[in-house]
Amino acid sequence: SALKPRLPYVNMIKLACASVRDRYPNGLSDPELQTWENTLRPRHLKLVINGIENSQDATFVHEKLHVQYLQGYYYDRPELPRLA
């Protein structure tokens, strides 16, 4: 409910994996999942979970929270360009 007034001004919501895992340790219940979908889908918003550090984080977020967009060091570590 705190986000609803701001939703017209954003195109995605990015949440940290650790905070989501703390808030929903067993995943989303069906009513919670439906609330998120009812909030995001009409506005065509993407939910992005960042801070994915390992395969357990990725599995938890994908299977328990049903989120498709994941970011983190588990997928790739950024590298600075080398200067000659």
PDB file of N, CA and C in Angstrom:
ATOM      1  N   SER A   1       0.821  -1.200   0.000  1.00  0.00           N
ATOM      2  CA  SER A   1       0.000   0.000   0.000  1.00  0.00           C
ATOM      3  C   SER A   1       0.861   1.259   0.000  1.00  0.00           C
ATOM      4  N   ALA A   2       2.049   1.193   0.593  1.00  0.00           N
ATOM      5  CA  ALA A   2       2.923   2.366   0.627  1.00  0.00           C
ATOM      6  C   ALA A   2       3.475   2.701  -0.757  1.00  0.00           C
ATOM      7  N   LEU A   3       3.590   1.689  -1.624  1.00  0.00           N
ATOM      8  CA  LEU A   3       4.138   1.915  -2.954  1.00  0.00           C
ATOM      9  C   LEU A   3       3.107   2.415  -3.966  1.00  0.00           C
ATOM     10  N   LYS A   4       1.844   2.133  -3.755  1.00  0.00           N
ATOM     11  CA  LYS A   4       0.827   2.415  -4.778  1.00  0.00           C
ATOM     12  C   LYS A   4       0.838   3.845  -5.311  1.00  0.00           C
ATOM     13  N   PRO A   5       0.988   4.893  -4.486  1.00  0.00           N
ATOM     14  CA  PRO A   5       1.007   6.243  -5.048  1.00  0.00           C
ATOM     15  C   PRO A   5       2.213   6.514  -5.953  1.00  0.00           C
ATOM     16  N   ARG A   6       3.290   5.747  -5.781  1.00  0.00           N
ATOM     17  CA  ARG A   6       4.511   5.964  -6.569  1.00  0.00           C
ATOM     18  C   ARG A   6       4.564   5.115  -7.832  1.00  0.00           C
ATOM     19  N   LEU A   7       3.726   4.138  -7.966  1.00  0.00           N
ATOM     20  CA  LEU A   7       3.796   3.197  -9.075  1.00  0.00           C
ATOM     21  C   LEU A   7       3.654   3.830 -10.458  1.00  0.00           C
ATOM     22  N   PRO A   8       2.872   4.871 -10.647  1.00  0.00           N
ATOM     23  CA  PRO A   8       2.803   5.462 -11.994  1.00  0.00           C
ATOM     24  C   PRO A   8       4.127   6.064 -12.477  1.00  0.00           C
ATOM     25  N   TYR A   9       5.080   6.272 -11.584  1.00  0.00           N
ATOM     26  CA  TYR A   9       6.323   6.938 -11.932  1.00  0.00           C
ATOM     27  C   TYR A   9       7.506   5.991 -12.120  1.00  0.00           C
ATOM     28  N   VAL A  10       7.293   4.702 -11.998  1.00  0.00           N
ATOM     29  CA  VAL A  10       8.388   3.740 -12.131  1.00  0.00           C
ATOM     30  C   VAL A  10       8.035   2.686 -13.175  1.00  0.00           C
ATOM     31  N   ASN A  11       9.071   2.004 -13.686  1.00  0.00           N
ATOM     32  CA  ASN A  11       8.827   0.916 -14.631  1.00  0.00           C
ATOM     33  C   ASN A  11       9.261  -0.439 -14.078  1.00  0.00           C
ATOM     34  N   MET A  12       9.884  -0.428 -12.894  1.00  0.00           N
ATOM     35  CA  MET A  12      10.244  -1.680 -12.244  1.00  0.00           C
ATOM     36  C   MET A  12      10.412  -1.432 -10.749  1.00  0.00           C
ATOM     37  N   ILE A  13      10.328  -2.509 -10.005  1.00  0.00           N
ATOM     38  CA  ILE A  13      10.593  -2.474  -8.574  1.00  0.00           C
ATOM     39  C   ILE A  13      11.738  -3.439  -8.319  1.00  0.00           C
ATOM     40  N   LYS A  14      12.793  -2.944  -7.682  1.00  0.00           N
ATOM     41  CA  LYS A  14      13.960  -3.773  -7.408  1.00  0.00           C
ATOM     42  C   LYS A  14      14.081  -3.955  -5.906  1.00  0.00           C
ATOM     43  N   LEU A  15      14.140  -5.216  -5.480  1.00  0.00           N
ATOM     44  CA  LEU A  15      14.244  -5.551  -4.061  1.00  0.00           C
ATOM     45  C   LEU A  15      15.474  -6.423  -3.830  1.00  0.00           C
ATOM     46  N   ALA A  16      16.072  -6.306  -2.669  1.00  0.00           N
ATOM     47  CA  ALA A  16      17.226  -7.124  -2.310  1.00  0.00           C
ATOM     48  C   ALA A  16      16.772  -8.509  -1.871  1.00  0.00           C
ATOM     49  N   CYS A  17      17.492  -9.518  -2.304  1.00  0.00           N
ATOM     50  CA  CYS A  17      17.160 -10.900  -1.969  1.00  0.00           C
ATOM     51  C   CYS A  17      17.121 -11.115  -0.460  1.00  0.00           C
ATOM     52  N   ALA A  18      18.092 -10.568   0.258  1.00  0.00           N
ATOM     53  CA  ALA A  18      18.150 -10.774   1.712  1.00  0.00           C
ATOM     54  C   ALA A  18      16.913 -10.212   2.406  1.00  0.00           C
ATOM     55  N   SER A  19      16.465  -9.046   1.997  1.00  0.00           N
ATOM     56  CA  SER A  19      15.286  -8.459   2.644  1.00  0.00           C
ATOM     57  C   SER A  19      14.017  -9.224   2.286  1.00  0.00           C
ATOM     58  N   VAL A  20      13.939  -9.712   1.059  1.00  0.00           N
ATOM     59  CA  VAL A  20      12.769 -10.503   0.652  1.00  0.00           C
ATOM     60  C   VAL A  20      12.746 -11.831   1.393  1.00  0.00           C
ATOM     61  N   ARG A  21      13.924 -12.450   1.537  1.00  0.00           N
ATOM     62  CA  ARG A  21      13.998 -13.733   2.264  1.00  0.00           C
ATOM     63  C   ARG A  21      13.634 -13.548   3.735  1.00  0.00           C
ATOM     64  N   ASP A  22      14.036 -12.414   4.320  1.00  0.00           N
ATOM     65  CA  ASP A  22      13.671 -12.126   5.717  1.00  0.00           C
ATOM     66  C   ASP A  22      12.166 -11.927   5.859  1.00  0.00           C
ATOM     67  N   ARG A  23      11.573 -11.235   4.907  1.00  0.00           N
ATOM     68  CA  ARG A  23      10.135 -10.926   4.974  1.00  0.00           C
ATOM     69  C   ARG A  23       9.275 -12.143   4.663  1.00  0.00           C
ATOM     70  N   TYR A  24       9.707 -12.961   3.693  1.00  0.00           N
ATOM     71  CA  TYR A  24       8.935 -14.137   3.265  1.00  0.00           C
ATOM     72  C   TYR A  24       9.818 -15.389   3.322  1.00  0.00           C
ATOM     73  N   PRO A  25      10.174 -15.879   4.505  1.00  0.00           N
ATOM     74  CA  PRO A  25      11.110 -17.012   4.604  1.00  0.00           C
ATOM     75  C   PRO A  25      10.583 -18.306   3.985  1.00  0.00           C
ATOM     76  N   ASN A  26       9.276 -18.474   3.905  1.00  0.00           N
ATOM     77  CA  ASN A  26       8.700 -19.687   3.317  1.00  0.00           C
ATOM     78  C   ASN A  26       8.122 -19.438   1.937  1.00  0.00           C
ATOM     79  N   GLY A  27       8.420 -18.298   1.354  1.00  0.00           N
ATOM     80  CA  GLY A  27       7.863 -17.949   0.057  1.00  0.00           C
ATOM     81  C   GLY A  27       6.550 -17.205   0.223  1.00  0.00           C
ATOM     82  N   LEU A  28       5.916 -16.927  -0.892  1.00  0.00           N
ATOM     83  CA  LEU A  28       4.648 -16.202  -0.873  1.00  0.00           C
ATOM     84  C   LEU A  28       3.475 -17.164  -0.778  1.00  0.00           C
ATOM     85  N   SER A  29       2.517 -16.816   0.037  1.00  0.00           N
ATOM     86  CA  SER A  29       1.273 -17.584   0.057  1.00  0.00           C
ATOM     87  C   SER A  29       0.459 -17.185  -1.173  1.00  0.00           C
ATOM     88  N   ASP A  30      -0.558 -17.938  -1.488  1.00  0.00           N
ATOM     89  CA  ASP A  30      -1.381 -17.623  -2.658  1.00  0.00           C
ATOM     90  C   ASP A  30      -2.010 -16.232  -2.579  1.00  0.00           C
ATOM     91  N   PRO A  31      -2.570 -15.818  -1.435  1.00  0.00           N
ATOM     92  CA  PRO A  31      -3.120 -14.451  -1.382  1.00  0.00           C
ATOM     93  C   PRO A  31      -2.049 -13.363  -1.543  1.00  0.00           C
ATOM     94  N   GLU A  32      -0.852 -13.590  -0.988  1.00  0.00           N
ATOM     95  CA  GLU A  32       0.228 -12.617  -1.139  1.00  0.00           C
ATOM     96  C   GLU A  32       0.687 -12.538  -2.589  1.00  0.00           C
ATOM     97  N   LEU A  33       0.810 -13.685  -3.232  1.00  0.00           N
ATOM     98  CA  LEU A  33       1.197 -13.724  -4.639  1.00  0.00           C
ATOM     99  C   LEU A  33       0.159 -13.005  -5.500  1.00  0.00           C
ATOM    100  N   GLN A  34      -1.101 -13.231  -5.211  1.00  0.00           N
ATOM    101  CA  GLN A  34      -2.177 -12.579  -5.955  1.00  0.00           C
ATOM    102  C   GLN A  34      -2.147 -11.060  -5.749  1.00  0.00           C
ATOM    103  N   THR A  35      -1.840 -10.605  -4.549  1.00  0.00           N
ATOM    104  CA  THR A  35      -1.739  -9.169  -4.276  1.00  0.00           C
ATOM    105  C   THR A  35      -0.627  -8.535  -5.096  1.00  0.00           C
ATOM    106  N   TRP A  36       0.546  -9.187  -5.129  1.00  0.00           N
ATOM    107  CA  TRP A  36       1.650  -8.666  -5.938  1.00  0.00           C
ATOM    108  C   TRP A  36       1.271  -8.626  -7.412  1.00  0.00           C
ATOM    109  N   GLU A  37       0.667  -9.694  -7.915  1.00  0.00           N
ATOM    110  CA  GLU A  37       0.281  -9.727  -9.330  1.00  0.00           C
ATOM    111  C   GLU A  37      -0.762  -8.672  -9.647  1.00  0.00           C
ATOM    112  N   ASN A  38      -1.734  -8.483  -8.773  1.00  0.00           N
ATOM    113  CA  ASN A  38      -2.768  -7.467  -8.992  1.00  0.00           C
ATOM    114  C   ASN A  38      -2.200  -6.056  -8.950  1.00  0.00           C
ATOM    115  N   THR A  39      -1.115  -5.870  -8.231  1.00  0.00           N
ATOM    116  CA  THR A  39      -0.484  -4.559  -8.149  1.00  0.00           C
ATOM    117  C   THR A  39       0.412  -4.290  -9.353  1.00  0.00           C
ATOM    118  N   LEU A  40       1.200  -5.280  -9.764  1.00  0.00           N
ATOM    119  CA  LEU A  40       2.196  -5.076 -10.809  1.00  0.00           C
ATOM    120  C   LEU A  40       1.656  -5.233 -12.229  1.00  0.00           C
ATOM    121  N   ARG A  41       0.836  -6.232 -12.457  1.00  0.00           N
ATOM    122  CA  ARG A  41       0.409  -6.562 -13.817  1.00  0.00           C
ATOM    123  C   ARG A  41      -0.341  -5.436 -14.529  1.00  0.00           C
ATOM    124  N   PRO A  42      -1.330  -4.781 -13.931  1.00  0.00           N
ATOM    125  CA  PRO A  42      -2.044  -3.725 -14.672  1.00  0.00           C
ATOM    126  C   PRO A  42      -1.139  -2.558 -15.080  1.00  0.00           C
ATOM    127  N   ARG A  43      -0.067  -2.357 -14.357  1.00  0.00           N
ATOM    128  CA  ARG A  43       0.851  -1.246 -14.651  1.00  0.00           C
ATOM    129  C   ARG A  43       2.046  -1.693 -15.481  1.00  0.00           C
ATOM    130  N   HIS A  44       2.096  -2.978 -15.847  1.00  0.00           N
ATOM    131  CA  HIS A  44       3.182  -3.558 -16.649  1.00  0.00           C
ATOM    132  C   HIS A  44       4.540  -3.337 -15.983  1.00  0.00           C
ATOM    133  N   LEU A  45       4.577  -3.502 -14.672  1.00  0.00           N
ATOM    134  CA  LEU A  45       5.817  -3.331 -13.916  1.00  0.00           C
ATOM    135  C   LEU A  45       6.532  -4.663 -13.767  1.00  0.00           C
ATOM    136  N   LYS A  46       7.861  -4.587 -13.790  1.00  0.00           N
ATOM    137  CA  LYS A  46       8.679  -5.768 -13.561  1.00  0.00           C
ATOM    138  C   LYS A  46       9.165  -5.749 -12.120  1.00  0.00           C
ATOM    139  N   LEU A  47       9.232  -6.917 -11.526  1.00  0.00           N
ATOM    140  CA  LEU A  47       9.810  -7.075 -10.197  1.00  0.00           C
ATOM    141  C   LEU A  47      11.179  -7.714 -10.372  1.00  0.00           C
ATOM    142  N   VAL A  48      12.217  -7.046  -9.904  1.00  0.00           N
ATOM    143  CA  VAL A  48      13.591  -7.513 -10.028  1.00  0.00           C
ATOM    144  C   VAL A  48      14.129  -7.771  -8.626  1.00  0.00           C
ATOM    145  N   ILE A  49      14.714  -8.940  -8.438  1.00  0.00           N
ATOM    146  CA  ILE A  49      15.358  -9.272  -7.166  1.00  0.00           C
ATOM    147  C   ILE A  49      16.863  -9.266  -7.413  1.00  0.00           C
ATOM    148  N   ASN A  50      17.578  -8.412  -6.678  1.00  0.00           N
ATOM    149  CA  ASN A  50      19.027  -8.380  -6.829  1.00  0.00           C
ATOM    150  C   ASN A  50      19.689  -8.961  -5.591  1.00  0.00           C
ATOM    151  N   GLY A  51      20.994  -9.109  -5.671  1.00  0.00           N
ATOM    152  CA  GLY A  51      21.733  -9.691  -4.543  1.00  0.00           C
ATOM    153  C   GLY A  51      21.691 -11.207  -4.536  1.00  0.00           C
ATOM    154  N   ILE A  52      21.470 -11.817  -5.704  1.00  0.00           N
ATOM    155  CA  ILE A  52      21.489 -13.283  -5.800  1.00  0.00           C
ATOM    156  C   ILE A  52      22.945 -13.728  -5.742  1.00  0.00           C
ATOM    157  N   GLU A  53      23.322 -14.403  -4.673  1.00  0.00           N
ATOM    158  CA  GLU A  53      24.715 -14.777  -4.445  1.00  0.00           C
ATOM    159  C   GLU A  53      25.026 -16.235  -4.794  1.00  0.00           C
ATOM    160  N   ASN A  54      24.023 -17.096  -4.769  1.00  0.00           N
ATOM    161  CA  ASN A  54      24.287 -18.518  -5.004  1.00  0.00           C
ATOM    162  C   ASN A  54      23.041 -19.191  -5.581  1.00  0.00           C
ATOM    163  N   SER A  55      23.177 -20.490  -5.870  1.00  0.00           N
ATOM    164  CA  SER A  55      22.071 -21.217  -6.491  1.00  0.00           C
ATOM    165  C   SER A  55      20.872 -21.356  -5.553  1.00  0.00           C
ATOM    166  N   GLN A  56      21.118 -21.380  -4.238  1.00  0.00           N
ATOM    167  CA  GLN A  56      20.005 -21.463  -3.286  1.00  0.00           C
ATOM    168  C   GLN A  56      19.148 -20.194  -3.348  1.00  0.00           C
ATOM    169  N   ASP A  57      19.791 -19.031  -3.445  1.00  0.00           N
ATOM    170  CA  ASP A  57      19.048 -17.777  -3.587  1.00  0.00           C
ATOM    171  C   ASP A  57      18.223 -17.787  -4.871  1.00  0.00           C
ATOM    172  N   ALA A  58      18.863 -18.198  -5.963  1.00  0.00           N
ATOM    173  CA  ALA A  58      18.175 -18.206  -7.250  1.00  0.00           C
ATOM    174  C   ALA A  58      16.984 -19.151  -7.236  1.00  0.00           C
ATOM    175  N   THR A  59      17.150 -20.330  -6.679  1.00  0.00           N
ATOM    176  CA  THR A  59      16.064 -21.302  -6.605  1.00  0.00           C
ATOM    177  C   THR A  59      14.935 -20.791  -5.721  1.00  0.00           C
ATOM    178  N   PHE A  60      15.278 -20.236  -4.576  1.00  0.00           N
ATOM    179  CA  PHE A  60      14.263 -19.708  -3.662  1.00  0.00           C
ATOM    180  C   PHE A  60      13.430 -18.631  -4.333  1.00  0.00           C
ATOM    181  N   VAL A  61      14.084 -17.665  -4.930  1.00  0.00           N
ATOM    182  CA  VAL A  61      13.366 -16.542  -5.540  1.00  0.00           C
ATOM    183  C   VAL A  61      12.525 -16.996  -6.720  1.00  0.00           C
ATOM    184  N   HIS A  62      13.085 -17.855  -7.542  1.00  0.00           N
ATOM    185  CA  HIS A  62      12.353 -18.295  -8.732  1.00  0.00           C
ATOM    186  C   HIS A  62      11.174 -19.209  -8.384  1.00  0.00           C
ATOM    187  N   GLU A  63      11.400 -20.175  -7.511  1.00  0.00           N
ATOM    188  CA  GLU A  63      10.358 -21.167  -7.221  1.00  0.00           C
ATOM    189  C   GLU A  63       9.381 -20.730  -6.129  1.00  0.00           C
ATOM    190  N   LYS A  64       9.866 -20.059  -5.094  1.00  0.00           N
ATOM    191  CA  LYS A  64       8.992 -19.693  -3.971  1.00  0.00           C
ATOM    192  C   LYS A  64       8.319 -18.339  -4.167  1.00  0.00           C
ATOM    193  N   LEU A  65       9.002 -17.413  -4.853  1.00  0.00           N
ATOM    194  CA  LEU A  65       8.444 -16.082  -5.046  1.00  0.00           C
ATOM    195  C   LEU A  65       7.927 -15.864  -6.461  1.00  0.00           C
ATOM    196  N   HIS A  66       8.275 -16.784  -7.374  1.00  0.00           N
ATOM    197  CA  HIS A  66       7.812 -16.734  -8.762  1.00  0.00           C
ATOM    198  C   HIS A  66       8.245 -15.456  -9.469  1.00  0.00           C
ATOM    199  N   VAL A  67       9.471 -15.015  -9.203  1.00  0.00           N
ATOM    200  CA  VAL A  67      10.027 -13.829  -9.853  1.00  0.00           C
ATOM    201  C   VAL A  67      10.940 -14.294 -10.977  1.00  0.00           C
ATOM    202  N   GLN A  68      10.847 -13.635 -12.127  1.00  0.00           N
ATOM    203  CA  GLN A  68      11.621 -14.037 -13.302  1.00  0.00           C
ATOM    204  C   GLN A  68      12.909 -13.253 -13.485  1.00  0.00           C
ATOM    205  N   TYR A  69      12.973 -12.033 -12.962  1.00  0.00           N
ATOM    206  CA  TYR A  69      14.129 -11.183 -13.205  1.00  0.00           C
ATOM    207  C   TYR A  69      15.020 -11.164 -11.964  1.00  0.00           C
ATOM    208  N   LEU A  70      16.224 -11.751 -12.110  1.00  0.00           N
ATOM    209  CA  LEU A  70      17.153 -11.891 -10.996  1.00  0.00           C
ATOM    210  C   LEU A  70      18.496 -11.284 -11.380  1.00  0.00           C
ATOM    211  N   GLN A  71      19.173 -10.669 -10.407  1.00  0.00           N
ATOM    212  CA  GLN A  71      20.495 -10.086 -10.622  1.00  0.00           C
ATOM    213  C   GLN A  71      21.388 -10.447  -9.452  1.00  0.00           C
ATOM    214  N   GLY A  72      22.681 -10.539  -9.727  1.00  0.00           N
ATOM    215  CA  GLY A  72      23.614 -10.757  -8.633  1.00  0.00           C
ATOM    216  C   GLY A  72      24.897 -11.412  -9.089  1.00  0.00           C
ATOM    217  N   TYR A  73      25.828 -11.541  -8.152  1.00  0.00           N
ATOM    218  CA  TYR A  73      27.126 -12.132  -8.443  1.00  0.00           C
ATOM    219  C   TYR A  73      27.027 -13.598  -8.843  1.00  0.00           C
ATOM    220  N   TYR A  74      25.943 -14.249  -8.531  1.00  0.00           N
ATOM    221  CA  TYR A  74      25.773 -15.646  -8.940  1.00  0.00           C
ATOM    222  C   TYR A  74      25.810 -15.767 -10.460  1.00  0.00           C
ATOM    223  N   TYR A  75      25.335 -14.773 -11.155  1.00  0.00           N
ATOM    224  CA  TYR A  75      25.254 -14.818 -12.612  1.00  0.00           C
ATOM    225  C   TYR A  75      26.516 -14.295 -13.286  1.00  0.00           C
ATOM    226  N   ASP A  76      27.141 -13.274 -12.706  1.00  0.00           N
ATOM    227  CA  ASP A  76      28.357 -12.733 -13.294  1.00  0.00           C
ATOM    228  C   ASP A  76      28.940 -11.686 -12.361  1.00  0.00           C
ATOM    229  N   ARG A  77      30.229 -11.587 -12.352  1.00  0.00           N
ATOM    230  CA  ARG A  77      30.900 -10.559 -11.559  1.00  0.00           C
ATOM    231  C   ARG A  77      31.394  -9.484 -12.524  1.00  0.00           C
ATOM    232  N   PRO A  78      31.115  -8.230 -12.203  1.00  0.00           N
ATOM    233  CA  PRO A  78      31.580  -7.162 -13.096  1.00  0.00           C
ATOM    234  C   PRO A  78      33.102  -7.029 -13.059  1.00  0.00           C
ATOM    235  N   GLU A  79      33.668  -6.647 -14.173  1.00  0.00           N
ATOM    236  CA  GLU A  79      35.110  -6.424 -14.261  1.00  0.00           C
ATOM    237  C   GLU A  79      35.367  -5.019 -14.772  1.00  0.00           C
ATOM    238  N   LEU A  80      36.353  -4.390 -14.181  1.00  0.00           N
ATOM    239  CA  LEU A  80      36.763  -3.084 -14.689  1.00  0.00           C
ATOM    240  C   LEU A  80      37.621  -3.267 -15.920  1.00  0.00           C
ATOM    241  N   PRO A  81      37.538  -2.347 -16.857  1.00  0.00           N
ATOM    242  CA  PRO A  81      38.396  -2.471 -18.049  1.00  0.00           C
ATOM    243  C   PRO A  81      39.867  -2.300 -17.677  1.00  0.00           C
ATOM    244  N   ARG A  82      40.712  -3.002 -18.393  1.00  0.00           N
ATOM    245  CA  ARG A  82      42.157  -2.887 -18.152  1.00  0.00           C
ATOM    246  C   ARG A  82      42.707  -1.730 -18.973  1.00  0.00           C
ATOM    247  N   LEU A  83      43.497  -0.923 -18.319  1.00  0.00           N
ATOM    248  CA  LEU A  83      44.132   0.203 -19.005  1.00  0.00           C
ATOM    249  C   LEU A  83      45.550  -0.194 -19.382  1.00  0.00           C
ATOM    250  N   ALA A  84      45.922   0.093 -20.621  1.00  0.00           N
ATOM    251  CA  ALA A  84      47.269  -0.269 -21.095  1.00  0.00           C
ATOM    252  C   ALA A  84      48.280   0.787 -20.762  1.00  0.00           C
TER     253      ALA A  84
END
